[in-house]
Each structure stands twice: as C-alpha cells, then as structure tokens.
PDB file of N, CA and C in Angstrom:
ATOM      1  N   MET A   1      82.146 119.246 116.322  1.00  0.00           N
ATOM      2  CA  MET A   1      83.482 119.755 116.126  1.00  0.00           C
ATOM      3  C   MET A   1      83.871 120.772 117.190  1.00  0.00           C
ATOM      4  N   GLU A   2      82.945 121.156 118.050  1.00  0.00           N
ATOM      5  CA  GLU A   2      83.256 122.144 119.063  1.00  0.00           C
ATOM      6  C   GLU A   2      84.238 121.626 120.100  1.00  0.00           C
ATOM      7  N   PHE A   3      84.204 120.332 120.360  1.00  0.00           N
ATOM      8  CA  PHE A   3      85.068 119.797 121.403  1.00  0.00           C
ATOM      9  C   PHE A   3      86.523 119.751 120.978  1.00  0.00           C
ATOM     10  N   LEU A   4      86.797 119.720 119.685  1.00  0.00           N
ATOM     11  CA  LEU A   4      88.165 119.548 119.212  1.00  0.00           C
ATOM     12  C   LEU A   4      89.079 120.726 119.575  1.00  0.00           C
ATOM     13  N   PRO A   5      88.707 121.989 119.277  1.00  0.00           N
ATOM     14  CA  PRO A   5      89.623 123.075 119.664  1.00  0.00           C
ATOM     15  C   PRO A   5      89.800 123.186 121.173  1.00  0.00           C
ATOM     16  N   SER A   6      88.723 123.013 121.936  1.00  0.00           N
ATOM     17  CA  SER A   6      88.869 123.134 123.376  1.00  0.00           C
ATOM     18  C   SER A   6      89.598 121.931 123.964  1.00  0.00           C
ATOM     19  N   LEU A   7      89.470 120.792 123.331  1.00  0.00           N
ATOM     20  CA  LEU A   7      90.161 119.597 123.802  1.00  0.00           C
ATOM     21  C   LEU A   7      91.667 119.733 123.598  1.00  0.00           C
ATOM     22  N   CYS A   8      92.060 120.210 122.450  1.00  0.00           N
ATOM     23  CA  CYS A   8      93.485 120.354 122.165  1.00  0.00           C
ATOM     24  C   CYS A   8      94.089 121.536 122.900  1.00  0.00           C
ATOM     25  N   GLY A   9      93.307 122.580 123.112  1.00  0.00           N
ATOM     26  CA  GLY A   9      93.828 123.760 123.777  1.00  0.00           C
ATOM     27  C   GLY A   9      94.748 124.578 122.896  1.00  0.00           C
ATOM     28  N   LEU A  10      94.760 124.302 121.592  1.00  0.00           N
ATOM     29  CA  LEU A  10      95.676 125.008 120.700  1.00  0.00           C
ATOM     30  C   LEU A  10      95.081 126.294 120.154  1.00  0.00           C
ATOM     31  N   VAL A  11      93.788 126.289 119.861  1.00  0.00           N
ATOM     32  CA  VAL A  11      93.146 127.470 119.289  1.00  0.00           C
ATOM     33  C   VAL A  11      91.858 127.747 120.030  1.00  0.00           C
ATOM     34  N   ASN A  12      91.470 128.984 120.042  1.00  0.00           N
ATOM     35  CA  ASN A  12      90.181 129.340 120.604  1.00  0.00           C
ATOM     36  C   ASN A  12      89.081 128.988 119.611  1.00  0.00           C
ATOM     37  N   GLU A  13      87.868 128.954 120.084  1.00  0.00           N
ATOM     38  CA  GLU A  13      86.753 128.556 119.223  1.00  0.00           C
ATOM     39  C   GLU A  13      86.577 129.500 118.046  1.00  0.00           C
ATOM     40  N   GLY A  14      86.796 130.783 118.229  1.00  0.00           N
ATOM     41  CA  GLY A  14      86.610 131.757 117.161  1.00  0.00           C
ATOM     42  C   GLY A  14      87.794 131.886 116.226  1.00  0.00           C
ATOM     43  N   ASP A  15      88.947 131.312 116.574  1.00  0.00           N
ATOM     44  CA  ASP A  15      90.150 131.486 115.771  1.00  0.00           C
ATOM     45  C   ASP A  15      90.259 130.507 114.616  1.00  0.00           C
ATOM     46  N   MET A  16      89.571 129.402 114.655  1.00  0.00           N
ATOM     47  CA  MET A  16      89.724 128.387 113.631  1.00  0.00           C
ATOM     48  C   MET A  16      88.935 128.787 112.381  1.00  0.00           C
ATOM     49  N   ASN A  17      89.624 128.869 111.275  1.00  0.00           N
ATOM     50  CA  ASN A  17      89.009 129.234 110.017  1.00  0.00           C
ATOM     51  C   ASN A  17      88.716 127.948 109.244  1.00  0.00           C
ATOM     52  N   TYR A  18      87.471 127.516 109.279  1.00  0.00           N
ATOM     53  CA  TYR A  18      87.106 126.250 108.661  1.00  0.00           C
ATOM     54  C   TYR A  18      87.215 126.296 107.146  1.00  0.00           C
ATOM     55  N   GLN A  19      87.072 127.466 106.558  1.00  0.00           N
ATOM     56  CA  GLN A  19      87.208 127.579 105.115  1.00  0.00           C
ATOM     57  C   GLN A  19      88.646 127.292 104.690  1.00  0.00           C
ATOM     58  N   MET A  20      89.610 127.766 105.454  1.00  0.00           N
ATOM     59  CA  MET A  20      91.008 127.483 105.126  1.00  0.00           C
ATOM     60  C   MET A  20      91.340 126.007 105.333  1.00  0.00           C
ATOM     61  N   VAL A  21      90.767 125.408 106.372  1.00  0.00           N
ATOM     62  CA  VAL A  21      90.971 123.975 106.595  1.00  0.00           C
ATOM     63  C   VAL A  21      90.412 123.199 105.420  1.00  0.00           C
ATOM     64  N   PHE A  22      89.248 123.586 104.943  1.00  0.00           N
ATOM     65  CA  PHE A  22      88.625 122.925 103.799  1.00  0.00           C
ATOM     66  C   PHE A  22      89.481 123.107 102.543  1.00  0.00           C
ATOM     67  N   GLN A  23      90.032 124.299 102.334  1.00  0.00           N
ATOM     68  CA  GLN A  23      90.879 124.538 101.166  1.00  0.00           C
ATOM     69  C   GLN A  23      92.148 123.683 101.216  1.00  0.00           C
ATOM     70  N   TYR A  24      92.760 123.587 102.407  1.00  0.00           N
ATOM     71  CA  TYR A  24      93.955 122.742 102.528  1.00  0.00           C
ATOM     72  C   TYR A  24      93.619 121.266 102.339  1.00  0.00           C
ATOM     73  N   ALA A  25      92.445 120.850 102.762  1.00  0.00           N
ATOM     74  CA  ALA A  25      92.025 119.465 102.534  1.00  0.00           C
ATOM     75  C   ALA A  25      91.861 119.204 101.043  1.00  0.00           C
ATOM     76  N   ILE A  26      91.289 120.153 100.317  1.00  0.00           N
ATOM     77  CA  ILE A  26      91.142 120.005  98.867  1.00  0.00           C
ATOM     78  C   ILE A  26      92.510 119.923  98.198  1.00  0.00           C
ATOM     79  N   LEU A  27      93.439 120.754  98.638  1.00  0.00           N
ATOM     80  CA  LEU A  27      94.792 120.710  98.068  1.00  0.00           C
ATOM     81  C   LEU A  27      95.461 119.358  98.335  1.00  0.00           C
ATOM     82  N   ALA A  28      95.288 118.828  99.529  1.00  0.00           N
ATOM     83  CA  ALA A  28      95.896 117.535  99.872  1.00  0.00           C
ATOM     84  C   ALA A  28      95.261 116.403  99.070  1.00  0.00           C
ATOM     85  N   ILE A  29      93.944 116.429  98.923  1.00  0.00           N
ATOM     86  CA  ILE A  29      93.263 115.377  98.155  1.00  0.00           C
ATOM     87  C   ILE A  29      93.645 115.462  96.682  1.00  0.00           C
ATOM     88  N   SER A  30      93.795 116.668  96.159  1.00  0.00           N
ATOM     89  CA  SER A  30      94.213 116.834  94.766  1.00  0.00           C
ATOM     90  C   SER A  30      95.630 116.306  94.553  1.00  0.00           C
ATOM     91  N   ALA A  31      96.513 116.579  95.491  1.00  0.00           N
ATOM     92  CA  ALA A  31      97.879 116.062  95.388  1.00  0.00           C
ATOM     93  C   ALA A  31      97.880 114.538  95.473  1.00  0.00           C
ATOM     94  N   ALA A  32      97.026 113.977  96.324  1.00  0.00           N
ATOM     95  CA  ALA A  32      96.927 112.519  96.419  1.00  0.00           C
ATOM     96  C   ALA A  32      96.400 111.924  95.121  1.00  0.00           C
ATOM     97  N   ALA A  33      95.466 112.605  94.462  1.00  0.00           N
ATOM     98  CA  ALA A  33      94.954 112.121  93.176  1.00  0.00           C
ATOM     99  C   ALA A  33      96.056 112.121  92.125  1.00  0.00           C
ATOM    100  N   MET A  34      96.922 113.133  92.158  1.00  0.00           N
ATOM    101  CA  MET A  34      98.036 113.158  91.213  1.00  0.00           C
ATOM    102  C   MET A  34      98.993 111.999  91.470  1.00  0.00           C
ATOM    103  N   VAL A  35      99.241 111.685  92.730  1.00  0.00           N
ATOM    104  CA  VAL A  35     100.125 110.558  93.066  1.00  0.00           C
ATOM    105  C   VAL A  35      99.490 109.240  92.613  1.00  0.00           C
ATOM    106  N   VAL A  36      98.187 109.089  92.830  1.00  0.00           N
ATOM    107  CA  VAL A  36      97.496 107.872  92.385  1.00  0.00           C
ATOM    108  C   VAL A  36      97.560 107.764  90.868  1.00  0.00           C
ATOM    109  N   GLY A  37      97.393 108.883  90.162  1.00  0.00           N
ATOM    110  CA  GLY A  37      97.506 108.865  88.706  1.00  0.00           C
ATOM    111  C   GLY A  37      98.867 108.407  88.242  1.00  0.00           C
ATOM    112  N   ILE A  38      99.910 108.863  88.911  1.00  0.00           N
ATOM    113  CA  ILE A  38     101.270 108.433  88.549  1.00  0.00           C
ATOM    114  C   ILE A  38     101.448 106.942  88.828  1.00  0.00           C
ATOM    115  N   LEU A  39     100.925 106.476  89.963  1.00  0.00           N
ATOM    116  CA  LEU A  39     101.049 105.050  90.283  1.00  0.00           C
ATOM    117  C   LEU A  39     100.275 104.182  89.298  1.00  0.00           C
ATOM    118  N   VAL A  40      99.151 104.662  88.807  1.00  0.00           N
ATOM    119  CA  VAL A  40      98.404 103.905  87.793  1.00  0.00           C
ATOM    120  C   VAL A  40      99.176 103.898  86.482  1.00  0.00           C
ATOM    121  N   MET A  41      99.766 105.025  86.106  1.00  0.00           N
ATOM    122  CA  MET A  41     100.543 105.077  84.861  1.00  0.00           C
ATOM    123  C   MET A  41     101.752 104.156  84.918  1.00  0.00           C
ATOM    124  N   VAL A  42     102.387 104.074  86.076  1.00  0.00           N
ATOM    125  CA  VAL A  42     103.564 103.213  86.224  1.00  0.00           C
ATOM    126  C   VAL A  42     103.157 101.745  86.200  1.00  0.00           C
ATOM    127  N   GLY A  43     101.949 101.453  86.676  1.00  0.00           N
ATOM    128  CA  GLY A  43     101.467 100.084  86.657  1.00  0.00           C
ATOM    129  C   GLY A  43     101.383  99.446  88.025  1.00  0.00           C
ATOM    130  N   VAL A  44     101.555 100.232  89.076  1.00  0.00           N
ATOM    131  CA  VAL A  44     101.530  99.690  90.426  1.00  0.00           C
ATOM    132  C   VAL A  44     100.101  99.372  90.865  1.00  0.00           C
ATOM    133  N   LEU A  45      99.136 100.198  90.472  1.00  0.00           N
ATOM    134  CA  LEU A  45      97.756 100.051  90.945  1.00  0.00           C
ATOM    135  C   LEU A  45      96.812  99.457  89.909  1.00  0.00           C
ATOM    136  N   VAL A  46      97.329  98.755  88.934  1.00  0.00           N
ATOM    137  CA  VAL A  46      96.463  98.113  87.937  1.00  0.00           C
ATOM    138  C   VAL A  46      96.697  96.608  87.952  1.00  0.00           C
ATOM    139  N   PRO A  47      95.639  95.840  87.658  1.00  0.00           N
ATOM    140  CA  PRO A  47      95.827  94.381  87.589  1.00  0.00           C
ATOM    141  C   PRO A  47      96.750  94.002  86.430  1.00  0.00           C
ATOM    142  N   ARG A  48      97.344  92.853  86.536  1.00  0.00           N
ATOM    143  CA  ARG A  48      98.292  92.413  85.507  1.00  0.00           C
ATOM    144  C   ARG A  48      97.622  92.133  84.166  1.00  0.00           C
ATOM    145  N   ASN A  49      96.358  91.724  84.184  1.00  0.00           N
ATOM    146  CA  ASN A  49      95.684  91.411  82.921  1.00  0.00           C
ATOM    147  C   ASN A  49      95.071  92.646  82.261  1.00  0.00           C
ATOM    148  N   PHE A  50      95.246  93.806  82.841  1.00  0.00           N
ATOM    149  CA  PHE A  50      94.737  95.062  82.296  1.00  0.00           C
ATOM    150  C   PHE A  50      95.710  95.559  81.229  1.00  0.00           C
ATOM    151  N   PRO A  51      95.228  95.958  80.048  1.00  0.00           N
ATOM    152  CA  PRO A  51      96.160  96.434  79.007  1.00  0.00           C
ATOM    153  C   PRO A  51      96.956  97.651  79.462  1.00  0.00           C
ATOM    154  N   HIS A  52      98.222  97.669  79.109  1.00  0.00           N
ATOM    155  CA  HIS A  52      99.143  98.715  79.558  1.00  0.00           C
ATOM    156  C   HIS A  52      98.723 100.099  79.047  1.00  0.00           C
ATOM    157  N   GLN A  53      98.242 100.167  77.809  1.00  0.00           N
ATOM    158  CA  GLN A  53      97.844 101.457  77.245  1.00  0.00           C
ATOM    159  C   GLN A  53      96.654 102.056  77.997  1.00  0.00           C
ATOM    160  N   TYR A  54      95.727 101.208  78.436  1.00  0.00           N
ATOM    161  CA  TYR A  54      94.584 101.697  79.205  1.00  0.00           C
ATOM    162  C   TYR A  54      95.029 102.210  80.572  1.00  0.00           C
ATOM    163  N   GLY A  55      95.985 101.549  81.150  1.00  0.00           N
ATOM    164  CA  GLY A  55      96.512 102.011  82.432  1.00  0.00           C
ATOM    165  C   GLY A  55      97.162 103.379  82.311  1.00  0.00           C
ATOM    166  N   ILE A  56      97.894 103.584  81.226  1.00  0.00           N
ATOM    167  CA  ILE A  56      98.515 104.893  81.004  1.00  0.00           C
ATOM    168  C   ILE A  56      97.444 105.952  80.782  1.00  0.00           C
ATOM    169  N   LEU A  57      96.424 105.631  79.997  1.00  0.00           N
ATOM    170  CA  LEU A  57      95.365 106.583  79.713  1.00  0.00           C
ATOM    171  C   LEU A  57      94.582 106.948  80.973  1.00  0.00           C
ATOM    172  N   ILE A  58      94.189 105.950  81.743  1.00  0.00           N
ATOM    173  CA  ILE A  58      93.423 106.214  82.969  1.00  0.00           C
ATOM    174  C   ILE A  58      94.289 106.964  83.984  1.00  0.00           C
ATOM    175  N   GLY A  59      95.548 106.592  84.101  1.00  0.00           N
ATOM    176  CA  GLY A  59      96.451 107.294  85.009  1.00  0.00           C
ATOM    177  C   GLY A  59      96.651 108.744  84.613  1.00  0.00           C
ATOM    178  N   ALA A  60      96.757 109.004  83.309  1.00  0.00           N
ATOM    179  CA  ALA A  60      96.907 110.382  82.849  1.00  0.00           C
ATOM    180  C   ALA A  60      95.655 111.201  83.145  1.00  0.00           C
ATOM    181  N   VAL A  61      94.488 110.603  82.960  1.00  0.00           N
ATOM    182  CA  VAL A  61      93.237 111.312  83.243  1.00  0.00           C
ATOM    183  C   VAL A  61      93.137 111.632  84.733  1.00  0.00           C
ATOM    184  N   ILE A  62      93.469 110.664  85.589  1.00  0.00           N
ATOM    185  CA  ILE A  62      93.418 110.900  87.039  1.00  0.00           C
ATOM    186  C   ILE A  62      94.424 111.973  87.431  1.00  0.00           C
ATOM    187  N   PHE A  63      95.627 111.908  86.879  1.00  0.00           N
ATOM    188  CA  PHE A  63      96.647 112.908  87.191  1.00  0.00           C
ATOM    189  C   PHE A  63      96.223 114.299  86.743  1.00  0.00           C
ATOM    190  N   LEU A  64      95.710 114.414  85.527  1.00  0.00           N
ATOM    191  CA  LEU A  64      95.298 115.721  85.026  1.00  0.00           C
ATOM    192  C   LEU A  64      94.118 116.280  85.808  1.00  0.00           C
ATOM    193  N   TYR A  65      93.194 115.421  86.220  1.00  0.00           N
ATOM    194  CA  TYR A  65      92.081 115.893  87.032  1.00  0.00           C
ATOM    195  C   TYR A  65      92.584 116.403  88.388  1.00  0.00           C
ATOM    196  N   GLY A  66      93.506 115.682  88.992  1.00  0.00           N
ATOM    197  CA  GLY A  66      94.079 116.133  90.258  1.00  0.00           C
ATOM    198  C   GLY A  66      94.834 117.442  90.100  1.00  0.00           C
ATOM    199  N   ALA A  67      95.576 117.588  88.998  1.00  0.00           N
ATOM    200  CA  ALA A  67      96.296 118.835  88.750  1.00  0.00           C
ATOM    201  C   ALA A  67      95.321 119.987  88.525  1.00  0.00           C
ATOM    202  N   TYR A  68      94.245 119.726  87.795  1.00  0.00           N
ATOM    203  CA  TYR A  68      93.227 120.756  87.569  1.00  0.00           C
ATOM    204  C   TYR A  68      92.601 121.202  88.885  1.00  0.00           C
ATOM    205  N   ARG A  69      92.211 120.248  89.722  1.00  0.00           N
ATOM    206  CA  ARG A  69      91.594 120.602  91.001  1.00  0.00           C
ATOM    207  C   ARG A  69      92.583 121.343  91.898  1.00  0.00           C
ATOM    208  N   PHE A  70      93.856 120.965  91.854  1.00  0.00           N
ATOM    209  CA  PHE A  70      94.872 121.631  92.659  1.00  0.00           C
ATOM    210  C   PHE A  70      95.024 123.088  92.231  1.00  0.00           C
ATOM    211  N   VAL A  71      95.122 123.319  90.923  1.00  0.00           N
ATOM    212  CA  VAL A  71      95.300 124.684  90.422  1.00  0.00           C
ATOM    213  C   VAL A  71      94.076 125.535  90.741  1.00  0.00           C
ATOM    214  N   VAL A  72      92.884 124.989  90.532  1.00  0.00           N
ATOM    215  CA  VAL A  72      91.662 125.748  90.824  1.00  0.00           C
ATOM    216  C   VAL A  72      91.581 126.077  92.309  1.00  0.00           C
ATOM    217  N   ALA A  73      91.866 125.107  93.174  1.00  0.00           N
ATOM    218  CA  ALA A  73      91.800 125.344  94.612  1.00  0.00           C
ATOM    219  C   ALA A  73      92.883 126.317  95.064  1.00  0.00           C
ATOM    220  N   TYR A  74      94.064 126.229  94.469  1.00  0.00           N
ATOM    221  CA  TYR A  74      95.156 127.122  94.869  1.00  0.00           C
ATOM    222  C   TYR A  74      94.837 128.571  94.518  1.00  0.00           C
ATOM    223  N   PHE A  75      94.363 128.805  93.304  1.00  0.00           N
ATOM    224  CA  PHE A  75      94.069 130.179  92.919  1.00  0.00           C
ATOM    225  C   PHE A  75      92.805 130.713  93.585  1.00  0.00           C
ATOM    226  N   LYS A  76      91.891 129.828  93.948  1.00  0.00           N
ATOM    227  CA  LYS A  76      90.717 130.270  94.688  1.00  0.00           C
ATOM    228  C   LYS A  76      91.126 130.674  96.103  1.00  0.00           C
ATOM    229  N   ARG A  77      92.130 130.023  96.656  1.00  0.00           N
ATOM    230  CA  ARG A  77      92.614 130.318  98.001  1.00  0.00           C
ATOM    231  C   ARG A  77      93.295 131.682  98.054  1.00  0.00           C
ATOM    232  N   THR A  78      93.980 132.072  96.988  1.00  0.00           N
ATOM    233  CA  THR A  78      94.725 133.321  97.008  1.00  0.00           C
ATOM    234  C   THR A  78      93.852 134.538  96.743  1.00  0.00           C
ATOM    235  N   GLU A  79      92.618 134.349  96.315  1.00  0.00           N
ATOM    236  CA  GLU A  79      91.734 135.491  96.060  1.00  0.00           C
ATOM    237  C   GLU A  79      91.269 136.142  97.326  1.00  0.00           C
TER     238      GLU A  79
END
C-alpha cells in the first residue's frame, strides 16, 4: 500500500489515516447491506419459487443487521 499515496501524489505517507479509511469502508458496506435487504424485501434479489414471506423476513434481517453495523460504526467513529 506504500506505492498508492506516492503514486497519486495526493497525500504524504504519514498523512493517511488508515483507521478512518477502514471506518468509512465499514459505513459503506453497512449501507450496502441495508440496500440489499430492501431489494430482498421487495423481491428483486430472490428467486420466483421462493416464498414471499421468507423473502420479507430474510430482507428485514439483512437490513436490520446493516443498520446495526452502521450505527455501531458511526458512534465508534465519533468517540
């Protein structure tokens, strides 16, 4: 990863805070999980022969897990 900051010329080697990059990655992945949960609940990402109630249940679980991870990561970032 050392070549990336010097290659781009945007930041010095000591200026990049990898912990903040990791926190933003967690926030982005959590938001993506919430979007996937919504798409499963709507029925876009489930097979047609899959029962509708199971799709709603699995989508809600994925959405709630993504929301939980987002909230935990957000408040951990502000500490």
